[in-house]
Structures are given as C-alpha cells and as structure tokens.
C-alpha cells in the first residue's frame, strides 16, 4: 500500500516499478479541486487505465456533485461542471463504493455506473 500527498505530482511512473494491480481512490470533489471539479483526477485515471489495462480501480465516493441550490449564484454552472467531473471519475472505476445511499442512487442514475 502506498499513499502520497495530493500536492505532489501523481507518481504515474511508480506503477511501472511496482506490481500494482489495484488502485483505491478516496474521492471527495473538494479534496481534489478548489471548486469541486476534479478534472485532473479523471485525466490521470484515464491515463493509468490506458497505460496499464490490467489495473483495477476502486473508488469510494465520499461525496458527489452539489446541487445548483447549494452553490448560490454560481450554482447552475458550477453544479454542471462538478457533475461532469464526478461522472468522469466514476466511469474510470471498476468498482464504486458510496458512503450514503443517496450517493449510490446519484452515481447510478446520473453517472451511469452499474457496479456500485
């Protein structure tokens, strides 16, 4: 098992040197992005998936996107960006866990994930 600080560059090359067969991602929108839109995470996961097709990715979604009403005046735009970014992360996962039932429903209904 290996962990690294989020402020450091993702150790993509580390995977080549290890016998990594599974990656566990603890997902929280705001943990990866100030605005809750973690596009960089989804890009890294997509890159890992293409470079190591045998790598299995499990994501524990501690939160999903915010609803527009939760974000004030920027809600309609920011909520859509968060939803798209969260969906992109969810679609890279082989297995998704959620922390509460409402998130499970949202992941299935809005992100198109079947393995929750």
PDB file of N, CA and C in Angstrom:
ATOM      1  N   UNK A   1       0.845  -1.163   0.000  1.00  0.00           N
ATOM      2  CA  UNK A   1       0.000   0.000   0.000  1.00  0.00           C
ATOM      3  C   UNK A   1       0.894   1.231   0.000  1.00  0.00           C
ATOM      4  N   UNK A   2       0.496   2.234  -0.747  1.00  0.00           N
ATOM      5  CA  UNK A   2       1.272   3.460  -0.840  1.00  0.00           C
ATOM      6  C   UNK A   2       0.331   4.654  -0.861  1.00  0.00           C
ATOM      7  N   UNK A   3       0.701   5.698  -0.174  1.00  0.00           N
ATOM      8  CA  UNK A   3      -0.057   6.959  -0.190  1.00  0.00           C
ATOM      9  C   UNK A   3       0.924   8.079  -0.504  1.00  0.00           C
ATOM     10  N   UNK A   4       0.423   9.141  -1.081  1.00  0.00           N
ATOM     11  CA  UNK A   4       1.270  10.287  -1.359  1.00  0.00           C
ATOM     12  C   UNK A   4       0.446  11.553  -1.184  1.00  0.00           C
ATOM     13  N   UNK A   5       1.120  12.652  -0.815  1.00  0.00           N
ATOM     14  CA  UNK A   5       0.401  13.922  -0.618  1.00  0.00           C
ATOM     15  C   UNK A   5      -0.184  14.431  -1.927  1.00  0.00           C
ATOM     16  N   UNK A   6      -1.385  14.993  -1.851  1.00  0.00           N
ATOM     17  CA  UNK A   6      -2.056  15.459  -3.066  1.00  0.00           C
ATOM     18  C   UNK A   6      -1.339  16.623  -3.726  1.00  0.00           C
ATOM     19  N   UNK A   7      -0.486  17.344  -3.004  1.00  0.00           N
ATOM     20  CA  UNK A   7       0.203  18.479  -3.613  1.00  0.00           C
ATOM     21  C   UNK A   7       1.412  18.038  -4.439  1.00  0.00           C
ATOM     22  N   UNK A   8       1.795  16.776  -4.338  1.00  0.00           N
ATOM     23  CA  UNK A   8       2.888  16.273  -5.158  1.00  0.00           C
ATOM     24  C   UNK A   8       2.344  15.729  -6.477  1.00  0.00           C
ATOM     25  N   UNK A   9       3.204  15.672  -7.454  1.00  0.00           N
ATOM     26  CA  UNK A   9       2.822  15.148  -8.760  1.00  0.00           C
ATOM     27  C   UNK A   9       2.431  13.678  -8.606  1.00  0.00           C
ATOM     28  N   UNK A  10       1.368  13.280  -9.274  1.00  0.00           N
ATOM     29  CA  UNK A  10       0.910  11.893  -9.210  1.00  0.00           C
ATOM     30  C   UNK A  10       2.003  10.975  -9.727  1.00  0.00           C
ATOM     31  N   UNK A  11       2.377   9.944  -8.973  1.00  0.00           N
ATOM     32  CA  UNK A  11       3.524   9.101  -9.345  1.00  0.00           C
ATOM     33  C   UNK A  11       3.195   8.042 -10.400  1.00  0.00           C
ATOM     34  N   UNK A  12       2.856   8.484 -11.587  1.00  0.00           N
ATOM     35  CA  UNK A  12       2.475   7.554 -12.649  1.00  0.00           C
ATOM     36  C   UNK A  12       3.589   6.550 -12.925  1.00  0.00           C
ATOM     37  N   UNK A  13       4.831   7.000 -12.949  1.00  0.00           N
ATOM     38  CA  UNK A  13       5.941   6.090 -13.221  1.00  0.00           C
ATOM     39  C   UNK A  13       6.132   5.056 -12.119  1.00  0.00           C
ATOM     40  N   UNK A  14       5.660   5.363 -10.927  1.00  0.00           N
ATOM     41  CA  UNK A  14       5.764   4.438  -9.805  1.00  0.00           C
ATOM     42  C   UNK A  14       5.069   3.120 -10.119  1.00  0.00           C
ATOM     43  N   UNK A  15       3.969   3.183 -10.856  1.00  0.00           N
ATOM     44  CA  UNK A  15       3.216   1.984 -11.200  1.00  0.00           C
ATOM     45  C   UNK A  15       4.045   1.024 -12.050  1.00  0.00           C
ATOM     46  N   UNK A  16       4.912   1.564 -12.885  1.00  0.00           N
ATOM     47  CA  UNK A  16       5.740   0.717 -13.737  1.00  0.00           C
ATOM     48  C   UNK A  16       6.770  -0.066 -12.930  1.00  0.00           C
ATOM     49  N   UNK A  17       7.193   0.480 -11.793  1.00  0.00           N
ATOM     50  CA  UNK A  17       8.227  -0.155 -10.977  1.00  0.00           C
ATOM     51  C   UNK A  17       7.672  -1.118  -9.931  1.00  0.00           C
ATOM     52  N   UNK A  18       6.382  -1.125  -9.741  1.00  0.00           N
ATOM     53  CA  UNK A  18       5.757  -1.951  -8.706  1.00  0.00           C
ATOM     54  C   UNK A  18       4.829  -2.981  -9.353  1.00  0.00           C
ATOM     55  N   UNK A  19       4.416  -3.922  -8.564  1.00  0.00           N
ATOM     56  CA  UNK A  19       3.447  -4.915  -9.041  1.00  0.00           C
ATOM     57  C   UNK A  19       2.051  -4.475  -8.600  1.00  0.00           C
ATOM     58  N   UNK A  20       1.635  -3.324  -9.070  1.00  0.00           N
ATOM     59  CA  UNK A  20       0.349  -2.763  -8.676  1.00  0.00           C
ATOM     60  C   UNK A  20      -0.758  -3.380  -9.526  1.00  0.00           C
ATOM     61  N   UNK A  21      -1.762  -3.939  -8.874  1.00  0.00           N
ATOM     62  CA  UNK A  21      -2.881  -4.494  -9.624  1.00  0.00           C
ATOM     63  C   UNK A  21      -4.196  -3.822  -9.283  1.00  0.00           C
ATOM     64  N   UNK A  22      -4.200  -2.997  -8.219  1.00  0.00           N
ATOM     65  CA  UNK A  22      -5.434  -2.319  -7.828  1.00  0.00           C
ATOM     66  C   UNK A  22      -5.107  -0.950  -7.246  1.00  0.00           C
ATOM     67  N   UNK A  23      -5.913   0.018  -7.596  1.00  0.00           N
ATOM     68  CA  UNK A  23      -5.775   1.375  -7.072  1.00  0.00           C
ATOM     69  C   UNK A  23      -7.066   1.724  -6.346  1.00  0.00           C
ATOM     70  N   UNK A  24      -6.951   2.172  -5.106  1.00  0.00           N
ATOM     71  CA  UNK A  24      -8.098   2.570  -4.290  1.00  0.00           C
ATOM     72  C   UNK A  24      -8.086   4.086  -4.220  1.00  0.00           C
ATOM     73  N   UNK A  25      -9.156   4.736  -4.685  1.00  0.00           N
ATOM     74  CA  UNK A  25      -9.255   6.194  -4.695  1.00  0.00           C
ATOM     75  C   UNK A  25     -10.311   6.622  -3.688  1.00  0.00           C
ATOM     76  N   UNK A  26      -9.924   7.479  -2.760  1.00  0.00           N
ATOM     77  CA  UNK A  26     -10.856   8.092  -1.816  1.00  0.00           C
ATOM     78  C   UNK A  26     -11.297   9.400  -2.473  1.00  0.00           C
ATOM     79  N   UNK A  27     -12.540   9.445  -2.954  1.00  0.00           N
ATOM     80  CA  UNK A  27     -12.989  10.571  -3.768  1.00  0.00           C
ATOM     81  C   UNK A  27     -13.855  11.550  -2.986  1.00  0.00           C
ATOM     82  N   UNK A  28     -13.439  12.789  -3.018  1.00  0.00           N
ATOM     83  CA  UNK A  28     -14.199  13.904  -2.479  1.00  0.00           C
ATOM     84  C   UNK A  28     -13.914  15.076  -3.411  1.00  0.00           C
ATOM     85  N   UNK A  29     -14.925  15.599  -4.069  1.00  0.00           N
ATOM     86  CA  UNK A  29     -14.716  16.652  -5.076  1.00  0.00           C
ATOM     87  C   UNK A  29     -13.770  17.743  -4.612  1.00  0.00           C
ATOM     88  N   UNK A  30     -14.042  18.282  -3.430  1.00  0.00           N
ATOM     89  CA  UNK A  30     -13.260  19.417  -2.955  1.00  0.00           C
ATOM     90  C   UNK A  30     -11.894  19.007  -2.433  1.00  0.00           C
ATOM     91  N   UNK A  31     -11.691  17.721  -2.222  1.00  0.00           N
ATOM     92  CA  UNK A  31     -10.371  17.241  -1.837  1.00  0.00           C
ATOM     93  C   UNK A  31      -9.380  17.284  -2.991  1.00  0.00           C
ATOM     94  N   UNK A  32      -9.882  17.296  -4.212  1.00  0.00           N
ATOM     95  CA  UNK A  32      -9.026  17.300  -5.393  1.00  0.00           C
ATOM     96  C   UNK A  32      -9.062  18.611  -6.162  1.00  0.00           C
ATOM     97  N   UNK A  33     -10.000  19.488  -5.824  1.00  0.00           N
ATOM     98  CA  UNK A  33     -10.135  20.721  -6.586  1.00  0.00           C
ATOM     99  C   UNK A  33     -10.823  21.790  -5.744  1.00  0.00           C
ATOM    100  N   UNK A  34     -10.309  22.998  -5.794  1.00  0.00           N
ATOM    101  CA  UNK A  34     -10.872  24.114  -5.019  1.00  0.00           C
ATOM    102  C   UNK A  34     -12.350  24.342  -5.318  1.00  0.00           C
ATOM    103  N   UNK A  35     -12.737  24.162  -6.562  1.00  0.00           N
ATOM    104  CA  UNK A  35     -14.123  24.403  -6.966  1.00  0.00           C
ATOM    105  C   UNK A  35     -14.950  23.113  -7.013  1.00  0.00           C
ATOM    106  N   UNK A  36     -14.345  22.016  -6.616  1.00  0.00           N
ATOM    107  CA  UNK A  36     -15.075  20.750  -6.619  1.00  0.00           C
ATOM    108  C   UNK A  36     -15.217  20.136  -7.999  1.00  0.00           C
ATOM    109  N   UNK A  37     -14.292  20.479  -8.894  1.00  0.00           N
ATOM    110  CA  UNK A  37     -14.323  19.962 -10.272  1.00  0.00           C
ATOM    111  C   UNK A  37     -12.998  19.245 -10.576  1.00  0.00           C
ATOM    112  N   UNK A  38     -12.837  18.022 -10.114  1.00  0.00           N
ATOM    113  CA  UNK A  38     -11.543  17.326 -10.217  1.00  0.00           C
ATOM    114  C   UNK A  38     -11.265  16.711 -11.588  1.00  0.00           C
ATOM    115  N   UNK A  39     -11.192  17.544 -12.620  1.00  0.00           N
ATOM    116  CA  UNK A  39     -10.925  17.027 -13.967  1.00  0.00           C
ATOM    117  C   UNK A  39      -9.538  16.393 -14.070  1.00  0.00           C
ATOM    118  N   UNK A  40      -8.564  16.943 -13.328  1.00  0.00           N
ATOM    119  CA  UNK A  40      -7.220  16.388 -13.401  1.00  0.00           C
ATOM    120  C   UNK A  40      -7.210  14.950 -12.895  1.00  0.00           C
ATOM    121  N   UNK A  41      -7.970  14.650 -11.856  1.00  0.00           N
ATOM    122  CA  UNK A  41      -8.029  13.282 -11.347  1.00  0.00           C
ATOM    123  C   UNK A  41      -8.583  12.333 -12.403  1.00  0.00           C
ATOM    124  N   UNK A  42      -9.648  12.725 -13.067  1.00  0.00           N
ATOM    125  CA  UNK A  42     -10.219  11.841 -14.093  1.00  0.00           C
ATOM    126  C   UNK A  42      -9.240  11.636 -15.243  1.00  0.00           C
ATOM    127  N   UNK A  43      -8.478  12.656 -15.585  1.00  0.00           N
ATOM    128  CA  UNK A  43      -7.478  12.512 -16.655  1.00  0.00           C
ATOM    129  C   UNK A  43      -6.365  11.542 -16.248  1.00  0.00           C
ATOM    130  N   UNK A  44      -5.925  11.638 -14.992  1.00  0.00           N
ATOM    131  CA  UNK A  44      -4.878  10.734 -14.507  1.00  0.00           C
ATOM    132  C   UNK A  44      -5.394   9.299 -14.502  1.00  0.00           C
ATOM    133  N   UNK A  45      -6.613   9.095 -14.020  1.00  0.00           N
ATOM    134  CA  UNK A  45      -7.178   7.744 -14.000  1.00  0.00           C
ATOM    135  C   UNK A  45      -7.324   7.186 -15.412  1.00  0.00           C
ATOM    136  N   UNK A  46      -7.728   8.018 -16.337  1.00  0.00           N
ATOM    137  CA  UNK A  46      -7.855   7.580 -17.732  1.00  0.00           C
ATOM    138  C   UNK A  46      -6.484   7.218 -18.302  1.00  0.00           C
ATOM    139  N   UNK A  47      -5.482   8.004 -17.979  1.00  0.00           N
ATOM    140  CA  UNK A  47      -4.118   7.723 -18.439  1.00  0.00           C
ATOM    141  C   UNK A  47      -3.608   6.408 -17.848  1.00  0.00           C
ATOM    142  N   UNK A  48      -3.844   6.205 -16.552  1.00  0.00           N
ATOM    143  CA  UNK A  48      -3.434   4.944 -15.921  1.00  0.00           C
ATOM    144  C   UNK A  48      -4.137   3.763 -16.566  1.00  0.00           C
ATOM    145  N   UNK A  49      -5.407   3.921 -16.841  1.00  0.00           N
ATOM    146  CA  UNK A  49      -6.194   2.841 -17.444  1.00  0.00           C
ATOM    147  C   UNK A  49      -5.642   2.484 -18.833  1.00  0.00           C
ATOM    148  N   UNK A  50      -5.224   3.492 -19.596  1.00  0.00           N
ATOM    149  CA  UNK A  50      -4.709   3.205 -20.940  1.00  0.00           C
ATOM    150  C   UNK A  50      -3.292   2.620 -20.891  1.00  0.00           C
ATOM    151  N   UNK A  51      -2.465   3.062 -19.930  1.00  0.00           N
ATOM    152  CA  UNK A  51      -1.098   2.560 -19.833  1.00  0.00           C
ATOM    153  C   UNK A  51      -1.022   1.193 -19.170  1.00  0.00           C
ATOM    154  N   UNK A  52      -1.928   0.914 -18.234  1.00  0.00           N
ATOM    155  CA  UNK A  52      -1.959  -0.364 -17.518  1.00  0.00           C
ATOM    156  C   UNK A  52      -3.371  -0.927 -17.576  1.00  0.00           C
ATOM    157  N   UNK A  53      -3.744  -1.553 -18.676  1.00  0.00           N
ATOM    158  CA  UNK A  53      -5.105  -2.065 -18.841  1.00  0.00           C
ATOM    159  C   UNK A  53      -5.517  -3.086 -17.788  1.00  0.00           C
ATOM    160  N   UNK A  54      -4.563  -3.764 -17.178  1.00  0.00           N
ATOM    161  CA  UNK A  54      -4.908  -4.752 -16.153  1.00  0.00           C
ATOM    162  C   UNK A  54      -5.141  -4.127 -14.775  1.00  0.00           C
ATOM    163  N   UNK A  55      -4.822  -2.857 -14.616  1.00  0.00           N
ATOM    164  CA  UNK A  55      -5.021  -2.168 -13.343  1.00  0.00           C
ATOM    165  C   UNK A  55      -6.513  -2.039 -13.043  1.00  0.00           C
ATOM    166  N   UNK A  56      -6.912  -2.442 -11.863  1.00  0.00           N
ATOM    167  CA  UNK A  56      -8.302  -2.303 -11.426  1.00  0.00           C
ATOM    168  C   UNK A  56      -8.402  -1.086 -10.527  1.00  0.00           C
ATOM    169  N   UNK A  57      -9.446  -0.292 -10.738  1.00  0.00           N
ATOM    170  CA  UNK A  57      -9.627   0.956  -9.997  1.00  0.00           C
ATOM    171  C   UNK A  57     -10.913   0.872  -9.189  1.00  0.00           C
ATOM    172  N   UNK A  58     -10.785   1.077  -7.884  1.00  0.00           N
ATOM    173  CA  UNK A  58     -11.939   1.142  -6.987  1.00  0.00           C
ATOM    174  C   UNK A  58     -12.022   2.568  -6.447  1.00  0.00           C
ATOM    175  N   UNK A  59     -13.220   3.122  -6.452  1.00  0.00           N
ATOM    176  CA  UNK A  59     -13.425   4.490  -5.983  1.00  0.00           C
ATOM    177  C   UNK A  59     -14.446   4.477  -4.856  1.00  0.00           C
ATOM    178  N   UNK A  60     -14.087   5.099  -3.748  1.00  0.00           N
ATOM    179  CA  UNK A  60     -15.042   5.312  -2.661  1.00  0.00           C
ATOM    180  C   UNK A  60     -15.476   6.769  -2.744  1.00  0.00           C
ATOM    181  N   UNK A  61     -16.733   6.983  -3.122  1.00  0.00           N
ATOM    182  CA  UNK A  61     -17.246   8.347  -3.290  1.00  0.00           C
ATOM    183  C   UNK A  61     -17.817   8.839  -1.959  1.00  0.00           C
ATOM    184  N   UNK A  62     -17.050   9.712  -1.327  1.00  0.00           N
ATOM    185  CA  UNK A  62     -17.472  10.294  -0.056  1.00  0.00           C
ATOM    186  C   UNK A  62     -18.475  11.419  -0.271  1.00  0.00           C
ATOM    187  N   UNK A  63     -18.506  11.937  -1.463  1.00  0.00           N
ATOM    188  CA  UNK A  63     -19.495  12.949  -1.836  1.00  0.00           C
ATOM    189  C   UNK A  63     -19.654  12.937  -3.347  1.00  0.00           C
ATOM    190  N   UNK A  64     -20.764  13.471  -3.812  1.00  0.00           N
ATOM    191  CA  UNK A  64     -20.993  13.630  -5.245  1.00  0.00           C
ATOM    192  C   UNK A  64     -21.083  15.125  -5.520  1.00  0.00           C
ATOM    193  N   UNK A  65     -21.540  15.480  -6.696  1.00  0.00           N
ATOM    194  CA  UNK A  65     -21.626  16.901  -7.036  1.00  0.00           C
ATOM    195  C   UNK A  65     -22.700  17.598  -6.192  1.00  0.00           C
ATOM    196  N   UNK A  66     -22.545  18.902  -6.033  1.00  0.00           N
ATOM    197  CA  UNK A  66     -23.544  19.705  -5.325  1.00  0.00           C
ATOM    198  C   UNK A  66     -24.705  20.025  -6.267  1.00  0.00           C
ATOM    199  N   UNK A  67     -25.844  20.241  -5.693  1.00  0.00           N
ATOM    200  CA  UNK A  67     -26.992  20.698  -6.469  1.00  0.00           C
ATOM    201  C   UNK A  67     -26.873  22.200  -6.674  1.00  0.00           C
ATOM    202  N   UNK A  68     -27.448  22.742  -7.745  1.00  0.00           N
ATOM    203  CA  UNK A  68     -27.332  24.179  -8.002  1.00  0.00           C
ATOM    204  C   UNK A  68     -27.766  25.037  -6.814  1.00  0.00           C
ATOM    205  N   UNK A  69     -28.797  24.627  -6.118  1.00  0.00           N
ATOM    206  CA  UNK A  69     -29.309  25.420  -4.986  1.00  0.00           C
ATOM    207  C   UNK A  69     -28.329  25.474  -3.816  1.00  0.00           C
ATOM    208  N   UNK A  70     -27.359  24.575  -3.780  1.00  0.00           N
ATOM    209  CA  UNK A  70     -26.384  24.547  -2.689  1.00  0.00           C
ATOM    210  C   UNK A  70     -25.198  25.475  -2.938  1.00  0.00           C
ATOM    211  N   UNK A  71     -25.111  26.046  -4.126  1.00  0.00           N
ATOM    212  CA  UNK A  71     -23.911  26.787  -4.508  1.00  0.00           C
ATOM    213  C   UNK A  71     -24.128  28.275  -4.748  1.00  0.00           C
ATOM    214  N   UNK A  72     -25.297  28.777  -4.398  1.00  0.00           N
ATOM    215  CA  UNK A  72     -25.551  30.209  -4.573  1.00  0.00           C
ATOM    216  C   UNK A  72     -25.653  30.622  -6.030  1.00  0.00           C
ATOM    217  N   UNK A  73     -25.216  31.841  -6.311  1.00  0.00           N
ATOM    218  CA  UNK A  73     -25.377  32.410  -7.647  1.00  0.00           C
ATOM    219  C   UNK A  73     -24.588  31.644  -8.718  1.00  0.00           C
ATOM    220  N   UNK A  74     -23.502  30.993  -8.334  1.00  0.00           N
ATOM    221  CA  UNK A  74     -22.704  30.245  -9.313  1.00  0.00           C
ATOM    222  C   UNK A  74     -23.200  28.810  -9.487  1.00  0.00           C
ATOM    223  N   UNK A  75     -24.267  28.456  -8.797  1.00  0.00           N
ATOM    224  CA  UNK A  75     -24.778  27.096  -8.756  1.00  0.00           C
ATOM    225  C   UNK A  75     -25.056  26.428 -10.082  1.00  0.00           C
ATOM    226  N   UNK A  76     -25.814  27.061 -10.986  1.00  0.00           N
ATOM    227  CA  UNK A  76     -26.145  26.374 -12.237  1.00  0.00           C
ATOM    228  C   UNK A  76     -24.917  25.958 -13.060  1.00  0.00           C
ATOM    229  N   UNK A  77     -23.912  26.797 -13.092  1.00  0.00           N
ATOM    230  CA  UNK A  77     -22.717  26.490 -13.881  1.00  0.00           C
ATOM    231  C   UNK A  77     -21.813  25.516 -13.128  1.00  0.00           C
ATOM    232  N   UNK A  78     -21.536  25.823 -11.855  1.00  0.00           N
ATOM    233  CA  UNK A  78     -20.606  25.012 -11.088  1.00  0.00           C
ATOM    234  C   UNK A  78     -21.137  23.603 -10.834  1.00  0.00           C
ATOM    235  N   UNK A  79     -22.429  23.470 -10.599  1.00  0.00           N
ATOM    236  CA  UNK A  79     -23.018  22.155 -10.383  1.00  0.00           C
ATOM    237  C   UNK A  79     -22.836  21.265 -11.616  1.00  0.00           C
ATOM    238  N   UNK A  80     -23.048  21.827 -12.787  1.00  0.00           N
ATOM    239  CA  UNK A  80     -22.878  21.060 -14.032  1.00  0.00           C
ATOM    240  C   UNK A  80     -21.422  20.634 -14.210  1.00  0.00           C
ATOM    241  N   UNK A  81     -20.481  21.511 -13.906  1.00  0.00           N
ATOM    242  CA  UNK A  81     -19.057  21.164 -14.012  1.00  0.00           C
ATOM    243  C   UNK A  81     -18.690  20.061 -13.017  1.00  0.00           C
ATOM    244  N   UNK A  82     -19.202  20.180 -11.785  1.00  0.00           N
ATOM    245  CA  UNK A  82     -18.937  19.152 -10.776  1.00  0.00           C
ATOM    246  C   UNK A  82     -19.524  17.805 -11.190  1.00  0.00           C
ATOM    247  N   UNK A  83     -20.746  17.830 -11.707  1.00  0.00           N
ATOM    248  CA  UNK A  83     -21.394  16.586 -12.139  1.00  0.00           C
ATOM    249  C   UNK A  83     -20.580  15.915 -13.244  1.00  0.00           C
ATOM    250  N   UNK A  84     -20.136  16.687 -14.216  1.00  0.00           N
ATOM    251  CA  UNK A  84     -19.350  16.126 -15.324  1.00  0.00           C
ATOM    252  C   UNK A  84     -18.019  15.557 -14.842  1.00  0.00           C
ATOM    253  N   UNK A  85     -17.356  16.262 -13.932  1.00  0.00           N
ATOM    254  CA  UNK A  85     -16.075  15.786 -13.414  1.00  0.00           C
ATOM    255  C   UNK A  85     -16.254  14.525 -12.581  1.00  0.00           C
ATOM    256  N   UNK A  86     -17.277  14.503 -11.738  1.00  0.00           N
ATOM    257  CA  UNK A  86     -17.547  13.314 -10.910  1.00  0.00           C
ATOM    258  C   UNK A  86     -17.921  12.123 -11.778  1.00  0.00           C
ATOM    259  N   UNK A  87     -18.700  12.372 -12.811  1.00  0.00           N
ATOM    260  CA  UNK A  87     -19.083  11.313 -13.756  1.00  0.00           C
ATOM    261  C   UNK A  87     -17.839  10.740 -14.445  1.00  0.00           C
ATOM    262  N   UNK A  88     -16.914  11.619 -14.827  1.00  0.00           N
ATOM    263  CA  UNK A  88     -15.694  11.160 -15.499  1.00  0.00           C
ATOM    264  C   UNK A  88     -14.853  10.271 -14.586  1.00  0.00           C
ATOM    265  N   UNK A  89     -14.780  10.605 -13.302  1.00  0.00           N
ATOM    266  CA  UNK A  89     -14.052   9.766 -12.348  1.00  0.00           C
ATOM    267  C   UNK A  89     -14.774   8.436 -12.178  1.00  0.00           C
ATOM    268  N   UNK A  90     -16.084   8.483 -11.993  1.00  0.00           N
ATOM    269  CA  UNK A  90     -16.877   7.260 -11.780  1.00  0.00           C
ATOM    270  C   UNK A  90     -16.756   6.302 -12.971  1.00  0.00           C
ATOM    271  N   UNK A  91     -16.689   6.837 -14.159  1.00  0.00           N
ATOM    272  CA  UNK A  91     -16.629   5.982 -15.352  1.00  0.00           C
ATOM    273  C   UNK A  91     -15.278   5.295 -15.536  1.00  0.00           C
ATOM    274  N   UNK A  92     -14.263   5.756 -14.819  1.00  0.00           N
ATOM    275  CA  UNK A  92     -12.965   5.089 -14.876  1.00  0.00           C
ATOM    276  C   UNK A  92     -12.866   3.948 -13.870  1.00  0.00           C
ATOM    277  N   UNK A  93     -13.828   3.862 -12.965  1.00  0.00           N
ATOM    278  CA  UNK A  93     -13.774   2.863 -11.893  1.00  0.00           C
ATOM    279  C   UNK A  93     -14.335   1.517 -12.323  1.00  0.00           C
ATOM    280  N   UNK A  94     -13.711   0.466 -11.816  1.00  0.00           N
ATOM    281  CA  UNK A  94     -14.241  -0.881 -11.987  1.00  0.00           C
ATOM    282  C   UNK A  94     -15.259  -1.188 -10.897  1.00  0.00           C
ATOM    283  N   UNK A  95     -15.079  -0.546  -9.755  1.00  0.00           N
ATOM    284  CA  UNK A  95     -15.958  -0.759  -8.616  1.00  0.00           C
ATOM    285  C   UNK A  95     -16.097   0.556  -7.864  1.00  0.00           C
ATOM    286  N   UNK A  96     -17.331   0.894  -7.484  1.00  0.00           N
ATOM    287  CA  UNK A  96     -17.583   2.138  -6.766  1.00  0.00           C
ATOM    288  C   UNK A  96     -18.296   1.824  -5.460  1.00  0.00           C
ATOM    289  N   UNK A  97     -17.803   2.426  -4.396  1.00  0.00           N
ATOM    290  CA  UNK A  97     -18.458   2.382  -3.101  1.00  0.00           C
ATOM    291  C   UNK A  97     -18.959   3.783  -2.802  1.00  0.00           C
ATOM    292  N   UNK A  98     -20.085   3.896  -2.138  1.00  0.00           N
ATOM    293  CA  UNK A  98     -20.566   5.198  -1.696  1.00  0.00           C
ATOM    294  C   UNK A  98     -20.745   5.166  -0.183  1.00  0.00           C
ATOM    295  N   UNK A  99     -20.704   6.339   0.430  1.00  0.00           N
ATOM    296  CA  UNK A  99     -20.780   6.398   1.882  1.00  0.00           C
ATOM    297  C   UNK A  99     -22.208   6.523   2.401  1.00  0.00           C
ATOM    298  N   UNK A 100     -23.135   6.950   1.556  1.00  0.00           N
ATOM    299  CA  UNK A 100     -24.541   7.051   1.953  1.00  0.00           C
ATOM    300  C   UNK A 100     -25.427   6.619   0.782  1.00  0.00           C
ATOM    301  N   UNK A 101     -26.618   6.090   1.067  1.00  0.00           N
ATOM    302  CA  UNK A 101     -27.491   5.575  -0.004  1.00  0.00           C
ATOM    303  C   UNK A 101     -27.873   6.605  -1.071  1.00  0.00           C
ATOM    304  N   UNK A 102     -28.063   7.858  -0.704  1.00  0.00           N
ATOM    305  CA  UNK A 102     -28.448   8.870  -1.703  1.00  0.00           C
ATOM    306  C   UNK A 102     -27.341   9.044  -2.749  1.00  0.00           C
ATOM    307  N   UNK A 103     -26.083   8.878  -2.327  1.00  0.00           N
ATOM    308  CA  UNK A 103     -24.982   8.973  -3.284  1.00  0.00           C
ATOM    309  C   UNK A 103     -24.982   7.781  -4.221  1.00  0.00           C
ATOM    310  N   UNK A 104     -25.333   6.611  -3.723  1.00  0.00           N
ATOM    311  CA  UNK A 104     -25.420   5.422  -4.576  1.00  0.00           C
ATOM    312  C   UNK A 104     -26.426   5.657  -5.696  1.00  0.00           C
ATOM    313  N   UNK A 105     -27.594   6.169  -5.328  1.00  0.00           N
ATOM    314  CA  UNK A 105     -28.633   6.454  -6.315  1.00  0.00           C
ATOM    315  C   UNK A 105     -28.144   7.467  -7.344  1.00  0.00           C
ATOM    316  N   UNK A 106     -27.485   8.505  -6.880  1.00  0.00           N
ATOM    317  CA  UNK A 106     -26.982   9.539  -7.788  1.00  0.00           C
ATOM    318  C   UNK A 106     -25.915   8.985  -8.730  1.00  0.00           C
ATOM    319  N   UNK A 107     -25.018   8.151  -8.205  1.00  0.00           N
ATOM    320  CA  UNK A 107     -23.952   7.567  -9.029  1.00  0.00           C
ATOM    321  C   UNK A 107     -24.551   6.685 -10.122  1.00  0.00           C
ATOM    322  N   UNK A 108     -25.557   5.909  -9.772  1.00  0.00           N
ATOM    323  CA  UNK A 108     -26.199   5.037 -10.763  1.00  0.00           C
ATOM    324  C   UNK A 108     -27.025   5.846 -11.753  1.00  0.00           C
ATOM    325  N   UNK A 109     -27.882   6.735 -11.254  1.00  0.00           N
ATOM    326  CA  UNK A 109     -28.812   7.472 -12.104  1.00  0.00           C
ATOM    327  C   UNK A 109     -28.141   8.545 -12.965  1.00  0.00           C
ATOM    328  N   UNK A 110     -27.202   9.286 -12.367  1.00  0.00           N
ATOM    329  CA  UNK A 110     -26.637  10.441 -13.077  1.00  0.00           C
ATOM    330  C   UNK A 110     -25.250  10.211 -13.670  1.00  0.00           C
ATOM    331  N   UNK A 111     -24.501   9.248 -13.127  1.00  0.00           N
ATOM    332  CA  UNK A 111     -23.160   8.999 -13.644  1.00  0.00           C
ATOM    333  C   UNK A 111     -23.106   7.767 -14.527  1.00  0.00           C
ATOM    334  N   UNK A 112     -24.183   6.989 -14.552  1.00  0.00           N
ATOM    335  CA  UNK A 112     -24.247   5.812 -15.415  1.00  0.00           C
ATOM    336  C   UNK A 112     -23.406   4.644 -14.941  1.00  0.00           C
ATOM    337  N   UNK A 113     -23.092   4.594 -13.663  1.00  0.00           N
ATOM    338  CA  UNK A 113     -22.288   3.496 -13.133  1.00  0.00           C
ATOM    339  C   UNK A 113     -23.187   2.329 -12.754  1.00  0.00           C
ATOM    340  N   UNK A 114     -22.740   1.137 -13.068  1.00  0.00           N
ATOM    341  CA  UNK A 114     -23.553  -0.048 -12.760  1.00  0.00           C
ATOM    342  C   UNK A 114     -23.000  -0.820 -11.569  1.00  0.00           C
ATOM    343  N   UNK A 115     -21.690  -0.727 -11.324  1.00  0.00           N
ATOM    344  CA  UNK A 115     -21.067  -1.536 -10.269  1.00  0.00           C
ATOM    345  C   UNK A 115     -20.912  -0.748  -8.982  1.00  0.00           C
ATOM    346  N   UNK A 116     -22.039  -0.416  -8.362  1.00  0.00           N
ATOM    347  CA  UNK A 116     -21.991   0.354  -7.105  1.00  0.00           C
ATOM    348  C   UNK A 116     -22.443  -0.541  -5.984  1.00  0.00           C
TER     349      UNK A 116
END
